C-alpha atoms as a PDB file:
ATOM      1  CA  UNK A   1      11.771  10.408 -31.006  1.00  0.00           C
ATOM      2  CA  UNK A   2      11.537  14.346 -31.037  1.00  0.00           C
ATOM      3  CA  UNK A   3      14.590  16.658 -29.484  1.00  0.00           C
ATOM      4  CA  UNK A   4      15.452  20.139 -29.822  1.00  0.00           C
ATOM      5  CA  UNK A   5      19.009  19.001 -29.878  1.00  0.00           C
ATOM      6  CA  UNK A   6      21.244  18.044 -32.734  1.00  0.00           C
ATOM      7  CA  UNK A   7      22.485  14.506 -32.095  1.00  0.00           C
ATOM      8  CA  UNK A   8      24.235  11.827 -34.130  1.00  0.00           C
ATOM      9  CA  UNK A   9      22.261   8.456 -34.586  1.00  0.00           C
ATOM     10  CA  UNK A  10      24.442   6.972 -32.127  1.00  0.00           C
ATOM     11  CA  UNK A  11      23.277   9.553 -29.704  1.00  0.00           C
ATOM     12  CA  UNK A  12      19.413   9.338 -30.788  1.00  0.00           C
ATOM     13  CA  UNK A  13      19.676   5.269 -30.320  1.00  0.00           C
ATOM     14  CA  UNK A  14      21.106   5.787 -26.421  1.00  0.00           C
ATOM     15  CA  UNK A  15      18.584   8.123 -25.629  1.00  0.00           C
ATOM     16  CA  UNK A  16      15.992   5.818 -26.933  1.00  0.00           C
ATOM     17  CA  UNK A  17      17.146   2.570 -25.424  1.00  0.00           C
ATOM     18  CA  UNK A  18      17.668   4.448 -21.988  1.00  0.00           C
ATOM     19  CA  UNK A  19      14.304   5.965 -22.175  1.00  0.00           C
ATOM     20  CA  UNK A  20      12.755   2.317 -22.805  1.00  0.00           C
ATOM     21  CA  UNK A  21      14.777   0.921 -19.865  1.00  0.00           C
ATOM     22  CA  UNK A  22      12.686   3.159 -17.431  1.00  0.00           C
ATOM     23  CA  UNK A  23       9.232   2.645 -19.211  1.00  0.00           C
ATOM     24  CA  UNK A  24      10.166  -1.077 -18.915  1.00  0.00           C
ATOM     25  CA  UNK A  25      10.893  -0.531 -15.216  1.00  0.00           C
ATOM     26  CA  UNK A  26       7.379   1.228 -14.443  1.00  0.00           C
ATOM     27  CA  UNK A  27       5.709  -1.197 -16.512  1.00  0.00           C
ATOM     28  CA  UNK A  28       6.730  -4.015 -14.035  1.00  0.00           C
ATOM     29  CA  UNK A  29       6.008  -1.682 -11.108  1.00  0.00           C
ATOM     30  CA  UNK A  30       2.594  -0.804 -12.478  1.00  0.00           C
ATOM     31  CA  UNK A  31       1.448  -4.071 -13.981  1.00  0.00           C
ATOM     32  CA  UNK A  32       2.953  -6.718 -11.850  1.00  0.00           C
ATOM     33  CA  UNK A  33       3.073  -4.458  -8.600  1.00  0.00           C
ATOM     34  CA  UNK A  34      -0.209  -2.643  -9.233  1.00  0.00           C
ATOM     35  CA  UNK A  35       1.843   0.672  -8.123  1.00  0.00           C
ATOM     36  CA  UNK A  36      -0.609   2.870  -9.990  1.00  0.00           C
ATOM     37  CA  UNK A  37      -3.554   1.229  -8.456  1.00  0.00           C
ATOM     38  CA  UNK A  38      -2.071   1.532  -5.019  1.00  0.00           C
ATOM     39  CA  UNK A  39      -4.256   3.648  -2.149  1.00  0.00           C
ATOM     40  CA  UNK A  40      -0.629   4.372  -0.421  1.00  0.00           C
ATOM     41  CA  UNK A  41      -0.710   8.245  -1.051  1.00  0.00           C
ATOM     42  CA  UNK A  42      -0.193  10.331   1.971  1.00  0.00           C
ATOM     43  CA  UNK A  43       3.350  11.657   3.901  1.00  0.00           C
ATOM     44  CA  UNK A  44       6.373   9.141   2.808  1.00  0.00           C
ATOM     45  CA  UNK A  45       4.321   5.744   2.258  1.00  0.00           C
ATOM     46  CA  UNK A  46       4.571   6.057  -1.540  1.00  0.00           C
ATOM     47  CA  UNK A  47       8.248   6.810  -1.633  1.00  0.00           C
ATOM     48  CA  UNK A  48       8.897   4.127   0.599  1.00  0.00           C
ATOM     49  CA  UNK A  49       6.743   1.609  -0.955  1.00  0.00           C
ATOM     50  CA  UNK A  50       8.030   2.943  -4.099  1.00  0.00           C
ATOM     51  CA  UNK A  51      11.804   2.075  -3.057  1.00  0.00           C
ATOM     52  CA  UNK A  52      10.736  -1.427  -1.336  1.00  0.00           C
ATOM     53  CA  UNK A  53       9.544  -2.094  -4.811  1.00  0.00           C
ATOM     54  CA  UNK A  54      12.512  -1.377  -6.398  1.00  0.00           C
ATOM     55  CA  UNK A  55      14.941  -3.294  -3.879  1.00  0.00           C
ATOM     56  CA  UNK A  56      12.632  -6.438  -4.691  1.00  0.00           C
ATOM     57  CA  UNK A  57      12.928  -5.573  -8.679  1.00  0.00           C
ATOM     58  CA  UNK A  58      16.880  -6.050  -7.725  1.00  0.00           C
ATOM     59  CA  UNK A  59      16.883  -8.773  -5.679  1.00  0.00           C
ATOM     60  CA  UNK A  60      15.130 -10.819  -8.026  1.00  0.00           C
ATOM     61  CA  UNK A  61      16.961  -9.754 -10.825  1.00  0.00           C
ATOM     62  CA  UNK A  62      20.301 -10.927  -9.195  1.00  0.00           C
ATOM     63  CA  UNK A  63      18.808 -13.962  -9.027  1.00  0.00           C
ATOM     64  CA  UNK A  64      18.328 -14.366 -13.155  1.00  0.00           C
ATOM     65  CA  UNK A  65      14.443 -15.113 -12.373  1.00  0.00           C
ATOM     66  CA  UNK A  66      12.986 -15.023 -15.839  1.00  0.00           C
ATOM     67  CA  UNK A  67       9.937 -13.004 -15.194  1.00  0.00           C
ATOM     68  CA  UNK A  68       8.436 -11.290 -12.226  1.00  0.00           C
ATOM     69  CA  UNK A  69       4.758 -12.775 -12.421  1.00  0.00           C
ATOM     70  CA  UNK A  70       6.381 -15.932 -12.504  1.00  0.00           C
ATOM     71  CA  UNK A  71       8.800 -15.877  -9.241  1.00  0.00           C
ATOM     72  CA  UNK A  72       5.989 -14.310  -7.459  1.00  0.00           C
ATOM     73  CA  UNK A  73       3.784 -17.059  -8.052  1.00  0.00           C
ATOM     74  CA  UNK A  74       6.173 -19.428  -7.421  1.00  0.00           C
ATOM     75  CA  UNK A  75       7.832 -18.235  -3.834  1.00  0.00           C
ATOM     76  CA  UNK A  76       5.683 -15.364  -3.043  1.00  0.00           C
ATOM     77  CA  UNK A  77       3.990 -17.515  -0.109  1.00  0.00           C
ATOM     78  CA  UNK A  78       7.556 -19.271   0.894  1.00  0.00           C
ATOM     79  CA  UNK A  79       8.884 -17.611   3.501  1.00  0.00           C
ATOM     80  CA  UNK A  80      11.867 -19.599   4.041  1.00  0.00           C
ATOM     81  CA  UNK A  81      13.310 -18.731   0.048  1.00  0.00           C
ATOM     82  CA  UNK A  82      12.119 -15.070   0.593  1.00  0.00           C
ATOM     83  CA  UNK A  83      14.485 -15.131   3.752  1.00  0.00           C
ATOM     84  CA  UNK A  84      16.939 -16.669   1.384  1.00  0.00           C
ATOM     85  CA  UNK A  85      16.945 -14.069  -0.963  1.00  0.00           C
ATOM     86  CA  UNK A  86      17.365 -11.114   1.451  1.00  0.00           C
ATOM     87  CA  UNK A  87      20.520 -12.675   3.055  1.00  0.00           C
END
């Protein structure tokens, strides 16, 4: 970890862990949801779809599912269960 600021070990630890939580989110959005490979590139659509992906991740985390690919396989085609998650 490289920084121009003088920090304590605790502050470095906090900064590194905060960074990796963001990287974890980006990894999930890219690998599971294919965000980087998406062809959605015009106007507000990329931002809107990113927001939808974030909402989806938050709903699934709230339900305590273990992995996102697993839950997508389990309930991806189950419209009733998807509706229940939204309510």
